[in-house]
Amino acid sequence: MSDETPKYIRAHGPLELPIRVLRFEDQIGMLKREPAWENGKRAAKTLVKEGTLRVVLTLMRAGTELEEHKAAGPVTIQCLEGRVNVHSLKRSIELIEGEMIALDGGVPHSVEAVTESAFLLTIAG
């Protein structure tokens, strides 16, 4: 066995490492202990920031909405807990735990928490 530092990390740690293994349950638990969540309606944590790729864990209380916005590159929203409505192009699509939506770059959208929710936002480009 080598004494070399591993090139990956579990749970949480520096974003600079080439490989990271994350447990969403742990990440959600840590984020729920943050003052932004305890005192507010929303909290977010960047899990991956590499080149043009961003992966952000977001918690929202029921009734909270992220106003309409758009990203230059493609976006996915994956519901991890609860239920969220994604409003885009005059449609409203409800996501439940285990579902994901993909949007092309430049597509305006908003996100509304139907119940207390956790979702993973991935932005490429």
Protein backbone atom coordinates (compact mmCIF):
# COMPACT_ATOMS: atom_id res chain seq x y z
CA MET A 1 0.00 0.00 0.00
CA SER A 2 1.31 3.44 -0.94
CA ASP A 3 1.48 6.45 1.37
CA GLU A 4 0.57 8.63 -1.62
CA THR A 5 -2.38 11.00 -1.10
CA PRO A 6 -5.48 9.64 -2.86
CA LYS A 7 -6.56 11.42 -6.03
CA TYR A 8 -10.21 11.39 -4.96
CA ILE A 9 -12.20 12.39 -1.92
CA ARG A 10 -15.46 11.19 -0.41
CA ALA A 11 -18.21 13.37 1.07
CA HIS A 12 -16.75 16.87 0.84
CA GLY A 13 -13.50 18.63 0.34
CA PRO A 14 -11.49 20.68 -2.11
CA LEU A 15 -13.02 21.17 -5.55
CA GLU A 16 -9.50 20.97 -7.01
CA LEU A 17 -9.24 17.18 -6.75
CA PRO A 18 -9.61 15.30 -10.06
CA ILE A 19 -12.18 12.83 -8.67
CA ARG A 20 -14.87 13.50 -6.06
CA VAL A 21 -17.42 11.03 -4.72
CA LEU A 22 -20.43 12.71 -3.11
CA ARG A 23 -23.40 11.33 -1.19
CA PHE A 24 -26.37 13.57 -1.83
CA GLU A 25 -27.92 12.68 1.52
CA ASP A 26 -24.78 13.92 3.32
CA GLN A 27 -24.53 17.06 1.19
CA ILE A 28 -28.21 17.91 1.80
CA GLY A 29 -27.75 17.35 5.54
CA MET A 30 -24.74 19.67 5.67
CA LEU A 31 -26.51 22.35 3.64
CA LYS A 32 -29.54 22.20 5.97
CA ARG A 33 -27.23 23.15 8.86
CA GLU A 34 -26.03 26.30 7.07
CA PRO A 35 -27.34 29.68 8.30
CA ALA A 36 -28.59 30.48 4.78
CA TRP A 37 -31.04 27.57 5.10
CA GLU A 38 -31.86 27.93 8.78
CA ASN A 39 -32.70 31.63 8.34
CA GLY A 40 -33.92 31.74 4.74
CA LYS A 41 -36.00 30.19 2.01
CA ARG A 42 -33.18 28.87 -0.16
CA ALA A 43 -29.60 27.61 0.10
CA ALA A 44 -27.15 26.39 -2.53
CA LYS A 45 -23.72 24.81 -2.68
CA THR A 46 -21.49 24.33 -5.72
CA LEU A 47 -20.40 20.70 -5.78
CA VAL A 48 -18.45 20.80 -9.06
CA LYS A 49 -16.81 23.73 -10.81
CA GLU A 50 -14.59 22.55 -13.63
CA GLY A 51 -14.08 24.46 -16.86
CA THR A 52 -17.56 25.27 -18.15
CA LEU A 53 -19.27 22.60 -16.02
CA ARG A 54 -21.13 23.60 -12.86
CA VAL A 55 -23.08 21.29 -10.56
CA VAL A 56 -25.03 23.06 -7.82
CA LEU A 57 -27.07 21.49 -5.03
CA THR A 58 -30.03 23.73 -4.22
CA LEU A 59 -32.54 23.53 -1.35
CA MET A 60 -35.79 25.48 -1.47
CA ARG A 61 -38.65 25.77 0.98
CA ALA A 62 -42.21 25.20 -0.27
CA GLY A 63 -43.51 28.17 -2.22
CA THR A 64 -40.06 29.59 -2.99
CA GLU A 65 -39.33 30.44 -6.62
CA LEU A 66 -36.20 31.15 -8.63
CA GLU A 67 -37.25 33.89 -11.04
CA GLU A 68 -37.05 33.33 -14.78
CA HIS A 69 -33.50 33.24 -16.08
CA LYS A 70 -31.47 31.45 -18.73
CA ALA A 71 -28.01 29.97 -19.09
CA ALA A 72 -25.78 30.16 -22.15
CA GLY A 73 -25.28 26.39 -22.19
CA PRO A 74 -27.52 23.37 -21.64
CA VAL A 75 -29.01 22.83 -18.18
CA THR A 76 -30.39 19.86 -16.29
CA ILE A 77 -32.48 19.98 -13.13
CA GLN A 78 -32.67 16.71 -11.19
CA CYS A 79 -35.11 16.50 -8.29
CA LEU A 80 -33.50 14.70 -5.34
CA GLU A 81 -36.17 15.37 -2.68
CA GLY A 82 -39.65 16.85 -2.73
CA ARG A 83 -41.40 18.29 -5.80
CA VAL A 84 -40.52 21.24 -8.01
CA ASN A 85 -42.25 22.90 -10.94
CA VAL A 86 -40.10 24.01 -13.84
CA HIS A 87 -41.79 26.74 -15.87
CA SER A 88 -40.48 27.18 -19.41
CA LEU A 89 -41.83 28.09 -22.84
CA LYS A 90 -45.37 28.56 -21.50
CA ARG A 91 -45.34 25.10 -19.90
CA SER A 92 -45.17 23.93 -16.30
CA ILE A 93 -43.53 20.57 -15.69
CA GLU A 94 -43.62 19.02 -12.23
CA LEU A 95 -40.60 16.97 -11.21
CA ILE A 96 -40.71 14.50 -8.36
CA GLU A 97 -37.84 12.74 -6.63
CA GLY A 98 -35.82 10.80 -9.18
CA GLU A 99 -36.90 12.83 -12.23
CA MET A 100 -34.82 15.19 -14.33
CA ILE A 101 -35.47 17.80 -17.01
CA ALA A 102 -32.97 18.92 -19.66
CA LEU A 103 -33.12 22.37 -21.26
CA ASP A 104 -31.17 23.64 -24.25
CA GLY A 105 -28.88 26.60 -23.74
CA GLY A 106 -30.64 29.95 -23.82
CA VAL A 107 -34.07 28.56 -22.88
CA PRO A 108 -35.70 30.81 -20.25
CA HIS A 109 -37.01 28.98 -17.20
CA SER A 110 -37.98 29.40 -13.57
CA VAL A 111 -38.11 26.86 -10.74
CA GLU A 112 -40.75 26.75 -8.00
CA ALA A 113 -40.67 24.45 -4.96
CA VAL A 114 -44.06 22.79 -4.48
CA THR A 115 -42.81 21.16 -1.26
CA GLU A 116 -39.53 21.55 0.59
CA SER A 117 -37.17 20.35 -2.09
CA ALA A 118 -33.60 19.54 -3.00
CA PHE A 119 -32.45 19.51 -6.59
CA LEU A 120 -29.25 19.24 -8.53
CA LEU A 121 -28.63 21.91 -11.15
CA THR A 122 -26.07 21.08 -13.83
CA ILE A 123 -24.91 23.77 -16.24
CA ALA A 124 -22.60 23.01 -19.16
CA GLY A 125 -20.97 25.67 -21.30
